[in-house]
Amino acid sequence: MSTASLELKPIRTAGTWPTTRILFALAGTVTLISAALAATVSLWFLLLTALVGLNQLLYVTAGACPASLLIDRVRSAPARSVMLGSDHPEET
């Protein structure tokens, strides 16, 4: 077996993640945090886990959920409008 066949190749060549990958990373993180909070603080945090599941179900059935709409809006915003103070010219 040659070493060329063992080379790891990047999943995507572009610098951005697809929306679905961001959504699953966000959902997994929030689910783990809410499960830890439910185990240590209050069982009411399981409602947050249920909300994450409902958003995932909504994304699968409708093709969009509140988190995906927010992610798409943030990603489509021009970078100069996100930076602080870029809307106003510098005073000299």
PDB file of N, CA and C in Angstrom:
ATOM      1  N   MET A   1       0.850  -1.167   0.000  1.00  0.00           N
ATOM      2  CA  MET A   1       0.000   0.000   0.000  1.00  0.00           C
ATOM      3  C   MET A   1       0.898   1.234   0.000  1.00  0.00           C
ATOM      4  N   SER A   2       0.631   2.148  -0.883  1.00  0.00           N
ATOM      5  CA  SER A   2       1.469   3.338  -0.966  1.00  0.00           C
ATOM      6  C   SER A   2       1.008   4.388   0.031  1.00  0.00           C
ATOM      7  N   THR A   3       1.920   5.320   0.342  1.00  0.00           N
ATOM      8  CA  THR A   3       1.567   6.378   1.294  1.00  0.00           C
ATOM      9  C   THR A   3       0.612   7.388   0.686  1.00  0.00           C
ATOM     10  N   ALA A   4       0.555   7.471  -0.633  1.00  0.00           N
ATOM     11  CA  ALA A   4      -0.356   8.418  -1.285  1.00  0.00           C
ATOM     12  C   ALA A   4      -1.808   8.036  -1.046  1.00  0.00           C
ATOM     13  N   SER A   5      -2.101   6.745  -0.931  1.00  0.00           N
ATOM     14  CA  SER A   5      -3.479   6.327  -0.707  1.00  0.00           C
ATOM     15  C   SER A   5      -3.920   6.545   0.743  1.00  0.00           C
ATOM     16  N   LEU A   6      -2.968   6.761   1.646  1.00  0.00           N
ATOM     17  CA  LEU A   6      -3.301   6.988   3.046  1.00  0.00           C
ATOM     18  C   LEU A   6      -3.459   8.465   3.380  1.00  0.00           C
ATOM     19  N   GLU A   7      -3.306   9.336   2.390  1.00  0.00           N
ATOM     20  CA  GLU A   7      -3.407  10.773   2.625  1.00  0.00           C
ATOM     21  C   GLU A   7      -4.832  11.158   3.008  1.00  0.00           C
ATOM     22  N   LEU A   8      -4.949  12.022   3.991  1.00  0.00           N
ATOM     23  CA  LEU A   8      -6.256  12.541   4.377  1.00  0.00           C
ATOM     24  C   LEU A   8      -6.582  13.739   3.501  1.00  0.00           C
ATOM     25  N   LYS A   9      -7.780  13.755   3.008  1.00  0.00           N
ATOM     26  CA  LYS A   9      -8.207  14.859   2.153  1.00  0.00           C
ATOM     27  C   LYS A   9      -9.277  15.658   2.872  1.00  0.00           C
ATOM     28  N   PRO A  10      -9.301  16.974   2.702  1.00  0.00           N
ATOM     29  CA  PRO A  10     -10.328  17.783   3.370  1.00  0.00           C
ATOM     30  C   PRO A  10     -11.711  17.450   2.826  1.00  0.00           C
ATOM     31  N   ILE A  11     -12.689  17.580   3.695  1.00  0.00           N
ATOM     32  CA  ILE A  11     -14.069  17.307   3.295  1.00  0.00           C
ATOM     33  C   ILE A  11     -14.541  18.357   2.298  1.00  0.00           C
ATOM     34  N   ARG A  12     -14.238  19.612   2.588  1.00  0.00           N
ATOM     35  CA  ARG A  12     -14.609  20.705   1.698  1.00  0.00           C
ATOM     36  C   ARG A  12     -13.378  21.565   1.456  1.00  0.00           C
ATOM     37  N   THR A  13     -13.282  22.060   0.263  1.00  0.00           N
ATOM     38  CA  THR A  13     -12.147  22.919  -0.038  1.00  0.00           C
ATOM     39  C   THR A  13     -12.444  24.366   0.307  1.00  0.00           C
ATOM     40  N   ALA A  14     -13.701  24.736   0.382  1.00  0.00           N
ATOM     41  CA  ALA A  14     -14.064  26.111   0.731  1.00  0.00           C
ATOM     42  C   ALA A  14     -13.842  26.334   2.218  1.00  0.00           C
ATOM     43  N   GLY A  15     -13.808  27.592   2.623  1.00  0.00           N
ATOM     44  CA  GLY A  15     -13.539  27.924   4.009  1.00  0.00           C
ATOM     45  C   GLY A  15     -14.760  27.905   4.905  1.00  0.00           C
ATOM     46  N   THR A  16     -15.943  27.631   4.388  1.00  0.00           N
ATOM     47  CA  THR A  16     -17.151  27.670   5.207  1.00  0.00           C
ATOM     48  C   THR A  16     -17.777  26.286   5.329  1.00  0.00           C
ATOM     49  N   TRP A  17     -18.445  26.075   6.419  1.00  0.00           N
ATOM     50  CA  TRP A  17     -19.186  24.839   6.632  1.00  0.00           C
ATOM     51  C   TRP A  17     -20.566  24.986   6.009  1.00  0.00           C
ATOM     52  N   PRO A  18     -21.150  23.885   5.536  1.00  0.00           N
ATOM     53  CA  PRO A  18     -22.534  23.957   5.065  1.00  0.00           C
ATOM     54  C   PRO A  18     -23.476  24.176   6.257  1.00  0.00           C
ATOM     55  N   THR A  19     -24.624  24.723   5.981  1.00  0.00           N
ATOM     56  CA  THR A  19     -25.592  25.052   7.032  1.00  0.00           C
ATOM     57  C   THR A  19     -25.986  23.820   7.839  1.00  0.00           C
ATOM     58  N   THR A  20     -26.160  22.683   7.191  1.00  0.00           N
ATOM     59  CA  THR A  20     -26.571  21.481   7.920  1.00  0.00           C
ATOM     60  C   THR A  20     -25.511  21.063   8.935  1.00  0.00           C
ATOM     61  N   ARG A  21     -24.247  21.218   8.575  1.00  0.00           N
ATOM     62  CA  ARG A  21     -23.178  20.843   9.511  1.00  0.00           C
ATOM     63  C   ARG A  21     -23.174  21.774  10.725  1.00  0.00           C
ATOM     64  N   ILE A  22     -23.379  23.049  10.502  1.00  0.00           N
ATOM     65  CA  ILE A  22     -23.448  24.012  11.605  1.00  0.00           C
ATOM     66  C   ILE A  22     -24.643  23.694  12.501  1.00  0.00           C
ATOM     67  N   LEU A  23     -25.783  23.378  11.875  1.00  0.00           N
ATOM     68  CA  LEU A  23     -26.990  23.079  12.656  1.00  0.00           C
ATOM     69  C   LEU A  23     -26.806  21.843  13.531  1.00  0.00           C
ATOM     70  N   PHE A  24     -26.210  20.790  12.987  1.00  0.00           N
ATOM     71  CA  PHE A  24     -26.013  19.586  13.784  1.00  0.00           C
ATOM     72  C   PHE A  24     -24.993  19.802  14.890  1.00  0.00           C
ATOM     73  N   ALA A  25     -23.967  20.606  14.632  1.00  0.00           N
ATOM     74  CA  ALA A  25     -23.001  20.928  15.691  1.00  0.00           C
ATOM     75  C   ALA A  25     -23.671  21.742  16.794  1.00  0.00           C
ATOM     76  N   LEU A  26     -24.492  22.703  16.414  1.00  0.00           N
ATOM     77  CA  LEU A  26     -25.219  23.515  17.384  1.00  0.00           C
ATOM     78  C   LEU A  26     -26.207  22.667  18.182  1.00  0.00           C
ATOM     79  N   ALA A  27     -26.947  21.813  17.486  1.00  0.00           N
ATOM     80  CA  ALA A  27     -27.939  20.971  18.155  1.00  0.00           C
ATOM     81  C   ALA A  27     -27.275  19.994  19.121  1.00  0.00           C
ATOM     82  N   GLY A  28     -26.185  19.405  18.713  1.00  0.00           N
ATOM     83  CA  GLY A  28     -25.479  18.479  19.598  1.00  0.00           C
ATOM     84  C   GLY A  28     -24.930  19.162  20.828  1.00  0.00           C
ATOM     85  N   THR A  29     -24.376  20.346  20.646  1.00  0.00           N
ATOM     86  CA  THR A  29     -23.830  21.101  21.776  1.00  0.00           C
ATOM     87  C   THR A  29     -24.918  21.487  22.761  1.00  0.00           C
ATOM     88  N   VAL A  30     -26.016  22.019  22.251  1.00  0.00           N
ATOM     89  CA  VAL A  30     -27.116  22.446  23.136  1.00  0.00           C
ATOM     90  C   VAL A  30     -27.743  21.242  23.822  1.00  0.00           C
ATOM     91  N   THR A  31     -27.863  20.119  23.131  1.00  0.00           N
ATOM     92  CA  THR A  31     -28.427  18.912  23.741  1.00  0.00           C
ATOM     93  C   THR A  31     -27.550  18.407  24.882  1.00  0.00           C
ATOM     94  N   LEU A  32     -26.229  18.373  24.657  1.00  0.00           N
ATOM     95  CA  LEU A  32     -25.329  17.921  25.719  1.00  0.00           C
ATOM     96  C   LEU A  32     -25.349  18.864  26.919  1.00  0.00           C
ATOM     97  N   ILE A  33     -25.371  20.158  26.658  1.00  0.00           N
ATOM     98  CA  ILE A  33     -25.414  21.135  27.756  1.00  0.00           C
ATOM     99  C   ILE A  33     -26.724  21.009  28.526  1.00  0.00           C
ATOM    100  N   SER A  34     -27.845  20.888  27.810  1.00  0.00           N
ATOM    101  CA  SER A  34     -29.129  20.784  28.504  1.00  0.00           C
ATOM    102  C   SER A  34     -29.244  19.472  29.280  1.00  0.00           C
ATOM    103  N   ALA A  35     -28.679  18.384  28.763  1.00  0.00           N
ATOM    104  CA  ALA A  35     -28.700  17.119  29.509  1.00  0.00           C
ATOM    105  C   ALA A  35     -27.861  17.228  30.783  1.00  0.00           C
ATOM    106  N   ALA A  36     -26.714  17.897  30.700  1.00  0.00           N
ATOM    107  CA  ALA A  36     -25.879  18.086  31.892  1.00  0.00           C
ATOM    108  C   ALA A  36     -26.588  18.978  32.907  1.00  0.00           C
ATOM    109  N   LEU A  37     -27.252  20.019  32.431  1.00  0.00           N
ATOM    110  CA  LEU A  37     -27.986  20.903  33.346  1.00  0.00           C
ATOM    111  C   LEU A  37     -29.184  20.191  33.960  1.00  0.00           C
ATOM    112  N   ALA A  38     -29.832  19.317  33.184  1.00  0.00           N
ATOM    113  CA  ALA A  38     -30.961  18.552  33.730  1.00  0.00           C
ATOM    114  C   ALA A  38     -30.496  17.583  34.804  1.00  0.00           C
ATOM    115  N   ALA A  39     -29.300  17.037  34.631  1.00  0.00           N
ATOM    116  CA  ALA A  39     -28.779  16.094  35.618  1.00  0.00           C
ATOM    117  C   ALA A  39     -28.284  16.788  36.881  1.00  0.00           C
ATOM    118  N   THR A  40     -27.818  18.035  36.754  1.00  0.00           N
ATOM    119  CA  THR A  40     -27.209  18.701  37.906  1.00  0.00           C
ATOM    120  C   THR A  40     -28.067  19.792  38.527  1.00  0.00           C
ATOM    121  N   VAL A  41     -28.895  20.469  37.731  1.00  0.00           N
ATOM    122  CA  VAL A  41     -29.628  21.631  38.242  1.00  0.00           C
ATOM    123  C   VAL A  41     -31.114  21.340  38.394  1.00  0.00           C
ATOM    124  N   SER A  42     -31.789  21.117  37.269  1.00  0.00           N
ATOM    125  CA  SER A  42     -33.234  20.919  37.301  1.00  0.00           C
ATOM    126  C   SER A  42     -33.670  20.106  36.089  1.00  0.00           C
ATOM    127  N   LEU A  43     -34.673  19.276  36.281  1.00  0.00           N
ATOM    128  CA  LEU A  43     -35.197  18.484  35.174  1.00  0.00           C
ATOM    129  C   LEU A  43     -35.906  19.335  34.130  1.00  0.00           C
ATOM    130  N   TRP A  44     -36.218  20.571  34.461  1.00  0.00           N
ATOM    131  CA  TRP A  44     -36.865  21.474  33.510  1.00  0.00           C
ATOM    132  C   TRP A  44     -35.981  21.764  32.295  1.00  0.00           C
ATOM    133  N   PHE A  45     -34.686  21.551  32.428  1.00  0.00           N
ATOM    134  CA  PHE A  45     -33.783  21.758  31.291  1.00  0.00           C
ATOM    135  C   PHE A  45     -33.999  20.718  30.194  1.00  0.00           C
ATOM    136  N   LEU A  46     -34.736  19.654  30.482  1.00  0.00           N
ATOM    137  CA  LEU A  46     -35.071  18.692  29.439  1.00  0.00           C
ATOM    138  C   LEU A  46     -36.008  19.301  28.405  1.00  0.00           C
ATOM    139  N   LEU A  47     -36.697  20.369  28.769  1.00  0.00           N
ATOM    140  CA  LEU A  47     -37.519  21.074  27.781  1.00  0.00           C
ATOM    141  C   LEU A  47     -36.655  21.679  26.685  1.00  0.00           C
ATOM    142  N   LEU A  48     -35.459  22.112  27.026  1.00  0.00           N
ATOM    143  CA  LEU A  48     -34.524  22.629  26.030  1.00  0.00           C
ATOM    144  C   LEU A  48     -34.109  21.526  25.055  1.00  0.00           C
ATOM    145  N   THR A  49     -33.909  20.333  25.573  1.00  0.00           N
ATOM    146  CA  THR A  49     -33.585  19.188  24.717  1.00  0.00           C
ATOM    147  C   THR A  49     -34.743  18.893  23.765  1.00  0.00           C
ATOM    148  N   ALA A  50     -35.965  18.966  24.279  1.00  0.00           N
ATOM    149  CA  ALA A  50     -37.145  18.745  23.437  1.00  0.00           C
ATOM    150  C   ALA A  50     -37.258  19.823  22.365  1.00  0.00           C
ATOM    151  N   LEU A  51     -36.941  21.056  22.710  1.00  0.00           N
ATOM    152  CA  LEU A  51     -36.985  22.149  21.742  1.00  0.00           C
ATOM    153  C   LEU A  51     -35.972  21.923  20.622  1.00  0.00           C
ATOM    154  N   VAL A  52     -34.792  21.453  20.972  1.00  0.00           N
ATOM    155  CA  VAL A  52     -33.776  21.143  19.954  1.00  0.00           C
ATOM    156  C   VAL A  52     -34.293  20.047  19.021  1.00  0.00           C
ATOM    157  N   GLY A  53     -34.899  19.019  19.585  1.00  0.00           N
ATOM    158  CA  GLY A  53     -35.454  17.941  18.765  1.00  0.00           C
ATOM    159  C   GLY A  53     -36.554  18.422  17.843  1.00  0.00           C
ATOM    160  N   LEU A  54     -37.410  19.299  18.347  1.00  0.00           N
ATOM    161  CA  LEU A  54     -38.477  19.849  17.499  1.00  0.00           C
ATOM    162  C   LEU A  54     -37.904  20.697  16.369  1.00  0.00           C
ATOM    163  N   ASN A  55     -36.866  21.468  16.651  1.00  0.00           N
ATOM    164  CA  ASN A  55     -36.239  22.269  15.594  1.00  0.00           C
ATOM    165  C   ASN A  55     -35.596  21.383  14.536  1.00  0.00           C
ATOM    166  N   GLN A  56     -34.976  20.287  14.952  1.00  0.00           N
ATOM    167  CA  GLN A  56     -34.398  19.357  13.975  1.00  0.00           C
ATOM    168  C   GLN A  56     -35.489  18.721  13.120  1.00  0.00           C
ATOM    169  N   LEU A  57     -36.589  18.334  13.744  1.00  0.00           N
ATOM    170  CA  LEU A  57     -37.712  17.765  13.008  1.00  0.00           C
ATOM    171  C   LEU A  57     -38.291  18.781  12.030  1.00  0.00           C
ATOM    172  N   LEU A  58     -38.405  20.024  12.462  1.00  0.00           N
ATOM    173  CA  LEU A  58     -38.901  21.088  11.589  1.00  0.00           C
ATOM    174  C   LEU A  58     -37.967  21.297  10.406  1.00  0.00           C
ATOM    175  N   TYR A  59     -36.656  21.248  10.643  1.00  0.00           N
ATOM    176  CA  TYR A  59     -35.696  21.423   9.557  1.00  0.00           C
ATOM    177  C   TYR A  59     -35.798  20.283   8.541  1.00  0.00           C
ATOM    178  N   VAL A  60     -35.975  19.063   9.038  1.00  0.00           N
ATOM    179  CA  VAL A  60     -36.060  17.910   8.135  1.00  0.00           C
ATOM    180  C   VAL A  60     -37.342  17.955   7.315  1.00  0.00           C
ATOM    181  N   THR A  61     -38.461  18.323   7.926  1.00  0.00           N
ATOM    182  CA  THR A  61     -39.736  18.293   7.215  1.00  0.00           C
ATOM    183  C   THR A  61     -39.966  19.525   6.346  1.00  0.00           C
ATOM    184  N   ALA A  62     -39.603  20.704   6.835  1.00  0.00           N
ATOM    185  CA  ALA A  62     -39.901  21.944   6.106  1.00  0.00           C
ATOM    186  C   ALA A  62     -38.697  22.498   5.349  1.00  0.00           C
ATOM    187  N   GLY A  63     -37.508  22.032   5.670  1.00  0.00           N
ATOM    188  CA  GLY A  63     -36.317  22.539   5.000  1.00  0.00           C
ATOM    189  C   GLY A  63     -35.738  23.781   5.639  1.00  0.00           C
ATOM    190  N   ALA A  64     -36.353  24.237   6.722  1.00  0.00           N
ATOM    191  CA  ALA A  64     -35.848  25.412   7.435  1.00  0.00           C
ATOM    192  C   ALA A  64     -36.357  25.380   8.867  1.00  0.00           C
ATOM    193  N   CYS A  65     -35.588  25.974   9.755  1.00  0.00           N
ATOM    194  CA  CYS A  65     -35.984  26.144  11.148  1.00  0.00           C
ATOM    195  C   CYS A  65     -35.456  27.512  11.580  1.00  0.00           C
ATOM    196  N   PRO A  66     -35.864  28.015  12.737  1.00  0.00           N
ATOM    197  CA  PRO A  66     -35.392  29.341  13.152  1.00  0.00           C
ATOM    198  C   PRO A  66     -33.867  29.457  13.172  1.00  0.00           C
ATOM    199  N   ALA A  67     -33.184  28.414  13.611  1.00  0.00           N
ATOM    200  CA  ALA A  67     -31.718  28.475  13.662  1.00  0.00           C
ATOM    201  C   ALA A  67     -31.122  28.535  12.261  1.00  0.00           C
ATOM    202  N   SER A  68     -31.670  27.779  11.310  1.00  0.00           N
ATOM    203  CA  SER A  68     -31.126  27.799   9.947  1.00  0.00           C
ATOM    204  C   SER A  68     -31.375  29.144   9.278  1.00  0.00           C
ATOM    205  N   LEU A  69     -32.516  29.745   9.542  1.00  0.00           N
ATOM    206  CA  LEU A  69     -32.796  31.069   8.983  1.00  0.00           C
ATOM    207  C   LEU A  69     -31.839  32.111   9.542  1.00  0.00           C
ATOM    208  N   LEU A  70     -31.560  32.021  10.837  1.00  0.00           N
ATOM    209  CA  LEU A  70     -30.621  32.955  11.458  1.00  0.00           C
ATOM    210  C   LEU A  70     -29.205  32.747  10.921  1.00  0.00           C
ATOM    211  N   ILE A  71     -28.788  31.501  10.791  1.00  0.00           N
ATOM    212  CA  ILE A  71     -27.454  31.209  10.268  1.00  0.00           C
ATOM    213  C   ILE A  71     -27.316  31.716   8.834  1.00  0.00           C
ATOM    214  N   ASP A  72     -28.330  31.467   8.002  1.00  0.00           N
ATOM    215  CA  ASP A  72     -28.277  31.937   6.622  1.00  0.00           C
ATOM    216  C   ASP A  72     -28.249  33.460   6.548  1.00  0.00           C
ATOM    217  N   ARG A  73     -28.981  34.126   7.430  1.00  0.00           N
ATOM    218  CA  ARG A  73     -28.990  35.588   7.427  1.00  0.00           C
ATOM    219  C   ARG A  73     -27.635  36.141   7.849  1.00  0.00           C
ATOM    220  N   VAL A  74     -27.031  35.545   8.866  1.00  0.00           N
ATOM    221  CA  VAL A  74     -25.719  36.015   9.336  1.00  0.00           C
ATOM    222  C   VAL A  74     -24.653  35.757   8.280  1.00  0.00           C
ATOM    223  N   ARG A  75     -24.715  34.609   7.625  1.00  0.00           N
ATOM    224  CA  ARG A  75     -23.718  34.281   6.611  1.00  0.00           C
ATOM    225  C   ARG A  75     -23.856  35.138   5.366  1.00  0.00           C
ATOM    226  N   SER A  76     -25.054  35.607   5.051  1.00  0.00           N
ATOM    227  CA  SER A  76     -25.240  36.410   3.846  1.00  0.00           C
ATOM    228  C   SER A  76     -25.002  37.897   4.087  1.00  0.00           C
ATOM    229  N   ALA A  77     -24.877  38.300   5.358  1.00  0.00           N
ATOM    230  CA  ALA A  77     -24.630  39.709   5.669  1.00  0.00           C
ATOM    231  C   ALA A  77     -23.219  40.090   5.230  1.00  0.00           C
ATOM    232  N   PRO A  78     -23.055  41.270   4.659  1.00  0.00           N
ATOM    233  CA  PRO A  78     -21.711  41.704   4.279  1.00  0.00           C
ATOM    234  C   PRO A  78     -20.811  41.831   5.499  1.00  0.00           C
ATOM    235  N   ALA A  79     -19.569  41.470   5.348  1.00  0.00           N
ATOM    236  CA  ALA A  79     -18.632  41.490   6.474  1.00  0.00           C
ATOM    237  C   ALA A  79     -18.432  42.904   6.998  1.00  0.00           C
ATOM    238  N   ARG A  80     -18.491  43.896   6.147  1.00  0.00           N
ATOM    239  CA  ARG A  80     -18.248  45.262   6.613  1.00  0.00           C
ATOM    240  C   ARG A  80     -19.363  45.767   7.512  1.00  0.00           C
ATOM    241  N   SER A  81     -20.582  45.252   7.371  1.00  0.00           N
ATOM    242  CA  SER A  81     -21.663  45.704   8.239  1.00  0.00           C
ATOM    243  C   SER A  81     -21.607  45.032   9.598  1.00  0.00           C
ATOM    244  N   VAL A  82     -20.899  43.924   9.702  1.00  0.00           N
ATOM    245  CA  VAL A  82     -20.778  43.227  10.972  1.00  0.00           C
ATOM    246  C   VAL A  82     -19.709  43.880  11.840  1.00  0.00           C
ATOM    247  N   MET A  83     -18.674  44.413  11.215  1.00  0.00           N
ATOM    248  CA  MET A  83     -17.588  45.033  11.965  1.00  0.00           C
ATOM    249  C   MET A  83     -18.076  46.317  12.634  1.00  0.00           C
ATOM    250  N   LEU A  84     -17.591  46.549  13.837  1.00  0.00           N
ATOM    251  CA  LEU A  84     -18.018  47.730  14.571  1.00  0.00           C
ATOM    252  C   LEU A  84     -17.394  48.977  13.959  1.00  0.00           C
ATOM    253  N   GLY A  85     -18.182  50.007  13.838  1.00  0.00           N
ATOM    254  CA  GLY A  85     -17.683  51.286  13.374  1.00  0.00           C
ATOM    255  C   GLY A  85     -17.465  51.386  11.881  1.00  0.00           C
ATOM    256  N   SER A  86     -17.786  50.359  11.123  1.00  0.00           N
ATOM    257  CA  SER A  86     -17.533  50.422   9.692  1.00  0.00           C
ATOM    258  C   SER A  86     -18.598  51.214   8.947  1.00  0.00           C
ATOM    259  N   ASP A  87     -19.764  51.439   9.580  1.00  0.00           N
ATOM    260  CA  ASP A  87     -20.807  52.195   8.919  1.00  0.00           C
ATOM    261  C   ASP A  87     -20.551  53.691   8.927  1.00  0.00           C
ATOM    262  N   HIS A  88     -19.690  54.125   9.821  1.00  0.00           N
ATOM    263  CA  HIS A  88     -19.412  55.539   9.948  1.00  0.00           C
ATOM    264  C   HIS A  88     -17.972  55.811   9.537  1.00  0.00           C
ATOM    265  N   PRO A  89     -17.782  56.796   8.659  1.00  0.00           N
ATOM    266  CA  PRO A  89     -16.383  57.124   8.291  1.00  0.00           C
ATOM    267  C   PRO A  89     -15.642  57.698   9.483  1.00  0.00           C
ATOM    268  N   GLU A  90     -14.358  57.451   9.481  1.00  0.00           N
ATOM    269  CA  GLU A  90     -13.556  57.951  10.577  1.00  0.00           C
ATOM    270  C   GLU A  90     -13.475  59.464  10.509  1.00  0.00           C
ATOM    271  N   GLU A  91     -13.595  60.079  11.688  1.00  0.00           N
ATOM    272  CA  GLU A  91     -13.496  61.530  11.749  1.00  0.00           C
ATOM    273  C   GLU A  91     -12.039  61.916  11.862  1.00  0.00           C
ATOM    274  N   THR A  92     -11.654  62.936  11.110  1.00  0.00           N
ATOM    275  CA  THR A  92     -10.261  63.401  11.178  1.00  0.00           C
ATOM    276  C   THR A  92     -10.176  64.777  11.746  1.00  0.00           C
TER     277      THR A  92
END
